[in-house]
Amino acid sequence: MPALDDRVTRVEAQMMDVREEMRRGFDRIDGRFAQIDGRFAHFDSRLLSLEQKVDRQFIWLVGIQLTTMLTVVGVLAAAFFRTS
């Protein structure tokens, strides 16, 4: 039967191997999270550009509607004051 010191040394060596394997696993997981973060950053930039495009189109739409409303009000006012 091996001495207690030999058994403890063997267990410590096995634990070092397990720690190293866990460290490599965590490094791989960190790498995958870095890839996912990159994808989210790309998605965020695309979403921001889409949001800016929709904002510009909304401003144009509101401007056209406001112009149309002012034109209609002006035509109605002119017709009203012409007949008076």
C-alpha atoms as a PDB file:
ATOM      1  CA  MET A   1       0.000   0.000   0.000  1.00  0.00           C
ATOM      2  CA  PRO A   2       1.452   3.390  -1.013  1.00  0.00           C
ATOM      3  CA  ALA A   3       2.434   5.823   1.669  1.00  0.00           C
ATOM      4  CA  LEU A   4       0.095   8.632   2.557  1.00  0.00           C
ATOM      5  CA  ASP A   5       2.452  11.238   1.070  1.00  0.00           C
ATOM      6  CA  ASP A   6       2.485   9.411  -2.268  1.00  0.00           C
ATOM      7  CA  ARG A   7      -1.295   9.220  -2.343  1.00  0.00           C
ATOM      8  CA  VAL A   8      -1.641  12.909  -1.488  1.00  0.00           C
ATOM      9  CA  THR A   9       0.887  13.820  -4.184  1.00  0.00           C
ATOM     10  CA  ARG A  10      -1.022  11.756  -6.760  1.00  0.00           C
ATOM     11  CA  VAL A  11      -4.354  13.380  -5.795  1.00  0.00           C
ATOM     12  CA  GLU A  12      -2.780  16.841  -5.990  1.00  0.00           C
ATOM     13  CA  ALA A  13      -1.438  16.049  -9.463  1.00  0.00           C
ATOM     14  CA  GLN A  14      -4.876  14.886 -10.576  1.00  0.00           C
ATOM     15  CA  MET A  15      -6.425  18.056  -9.150  1.00  0.00           C
ATOM     16  CA  MET A  16      -3.909  20.177 -11.056  1.00  0.00           C
ATOM     17  CA  ASP A  17      -4.914  18.377 -14.263  1.00  0.00           C
ATOM     18  CA  VAL A  18      -8.595  18.966 -13.503  1.00  0.00           C
ATOM     19  CA  ARG A  19      -7.952  22.640 -12.741  1.00  0.00           C
ATOM     20  CA  GLU A  20      -6.062  23.087 -15.999  1.00  0.00           C
ATOM     21  CA  GLU A  21      -8.826  21.370 -17.962  1.00  0.00           C
ATOM     22  CA  MET A  22     -11.433  23.565 -16.282  1.00  0.00           C
ATOM     23  CA  ARG A  23      -9.357  26.661 -17.037  1.00  0.00           C
ATOM     24  CA  ARG A  24      -9.167  25.686 -20.738  1.00  0.00           C
ATOM     25  CA  GLY A  25     -12.918  25.068 -20.744  1.00  0.00           C
ATOM     26  CA  PHE A  26     -13.587  28.471 -19.235  1.00  0.00           C
ATOM     27  CA  ASP A  27     -11.299  30.072 -21.809  1.00  0.00           C
ATOM     28  CA  ARG A  28     -13.274  28.402 -24.625  1.00  0.00           C
ATOM     29  CA  ILE A  29     -16.535  29.606 -23.083  1.00  0.00           C
ATOM     30  CA  ASP A  30     -15.137  33.137 -22.781  1.00  0.00           C
ATOM     31  CA  GLY A  31     -14.153  32.986 -26.453  1.00  0.00           C
ATOM     32  CA  ARG A  32     -17.663  31.977 -27.439  1.00  0.00           C
ATOM     33  CA  PHE A  33     -19.150  34.769 -25.368  1.00  0.00           C
ATOM     34  CA  ALA A  34     -16.790  37.191 -27.090  1.00  0.00           C
ATOM     35  CA  GLN A  35     -18.111  35.972 -30.459  1.00  0.00           C
ATOM     36  CA  ILE A  36     -21.692  36.388 -29.265  1.00  0.00           C
ATOM     37  CA  ASP A  37     -20.918  39.889 -27.989  1.00  0.00           C
ATOM     38  CA  GLY A  38     -19.497  40.745 -31.409  1.00  0.00           C
ATOM     39  CA  ARG A  39     -22.639  39.513 -33.098  1.00  0.00           C
ATOM     40  CA  PHE A  40     -24.818  41.536 -30.739  1.00  0.00           C
ATOM     41  CA  ALA A  41     -22.720  44.632 -31.403  1.00  0.00           C
ATOM     42  CA  HIS A  42     -23.192  44.110 -35.158  1.00  0.00           C
ATOM     43  CA  PHE A  43     -26.937  43.590 -34.642  1.00  0.00           C
ATOM     44  CA  ASP A  44     -27.146  46.731 -32.481  1.00  0.00           C
ATOM     45  CA  SER A  45     -25.457  48.823 -35.163  1.00  0.00           C
ATOM     46  CA  ARG A  46     -27.815  47.503 -37.838  1.00  0.00           C
ATOM     47  CA  LEU A  47     -30.813  48.143 -35.591  1.00  0.00           C
ATOM     48  CA  LEU A  48     -29.605  51.679 -34.916  1.00  0.00           C
ATOM     49  CA  SER A  49     -29.256  52.409 -38.638  1.00  0.00           C
ATOM     50  CA  LEU A  50     -32.767  51.038 -39.242  1.00  0.00           C
ATOM     51  CA  GLU A  51     -34.123  53.194 -36.429  1.00  0.00           C
ATOM     52  CA  GLN A  52     -32.488  56.288 -37.926  1.00  0.00           C
ATOM     53  CA  LYS A  53     -33.957  55.473 -41.349  1.00  0.00           C
ATOM     54  CA  VAL A  54     -37.448  55.062 -39.879  1.00  0.00           C
ATOM     55  CA  ASP A  55     -37.049  58.349 -37.994  1.00  0.00           C
ATOM     56  CA  ARG A  56     -36.131  60.174 -41.206  1.00  0.00           C
ATOM     57  CA  GLN A  57     -39.077  58.667 -43.044  1.00  0.00           C
ATOM     58  CA  PHE A  58     -41.411  59.565 -40.181  1.00  0.00           C
ATOM     59  CA  ILE A  59     -40.203  63.174 -40.250  1.00  0.00           C
ATOM     60  CA  TRP A  60     -40.827  63.324 -44.006  1.00  0.00           C
ATOM     61  CA  LEU A  61     -44.288  61.801 -43.576  1.00  0.00           C
ATOM     62  CA  VAL A  62     -45.262  64.287 -40.857  1.00  0.00           C
ATOM     63  CA  GLY A  63     -43.887  67.152 -42.953  1.00  0.00           C
ATOM     64  CA  ILE A  64     -45.931  66.107 -45.988  1.00  0.00           C
ATOM     65  CA  GLN A  65     -49.087  65.740 -43.884  1.00  0.00           C
ATOM     66  CA  LEU A  66     -48.550  69.126 -42.252  1.00  0.00           C
ATOM     67  CA  THR A  67     -47.957  70.775 -45.632  1.00  0.00           C
ATOM     68  CA  THR A  68     -51.110  69.162 -47.030  1.00  0.00           C
ATOM     69  CA  MET A  69     -53.158  70.284 -44.020  1.00  0.00           C
ATOM     70  CA  LEU A  70     -51.883  73.857 -44.298  1.00  0.00           C
ATOM     71  CA  THR A  71     -52.667  73.875 -48.022  1.00  0.00           C
ATOM     72  CA  VAL A  72     -56.227  72.655 -47.419  1.00  0.00           C
ATOM     73  CA  VAL A  73     -56.760  75.199 -44.634  1.00  0.00           C
ATOM     74  CA  GLY A  74     -55.391  77.942 -46.885  1.00  0.00           C
ATOM     75  CA  VAL A  75     -57.694  76.962 -49.771  1.00  0.00           C
ATOM     76  CA  LEU A  76     -60.703  76.823 -47.445  1.00  0.00           C
ATOM     77  CA  ALA A  77     -59.812  80.216 -45.943  1.00  0.00           C
ATOM     78  CA  ALA A  78     -59.399  81.751 -49.391  1.00  0.00           C
ATOM     79  CA  ALA A  79     -62.755  80.341 -50.507  1.00  0.00           C
ATOM     80  CA  PHE A  80     -64.431  81.603 -47.339  1.00  0.00           C
ATOM     81  CA  PHE A  81     -63.045  85.147 -47.592  1.00  0.00           C
ATOM     82  CA  ARG A  82     -63.712  85.326 -51.339  1.00  0.00           C
ATOM     83  CA  THR A  83     -67.429  84.680 -50.847  1.00  0.00           C
ATOM     84  CA  SER A  84     -67.744  87.138 -47.954  1.00  0.00           C
END
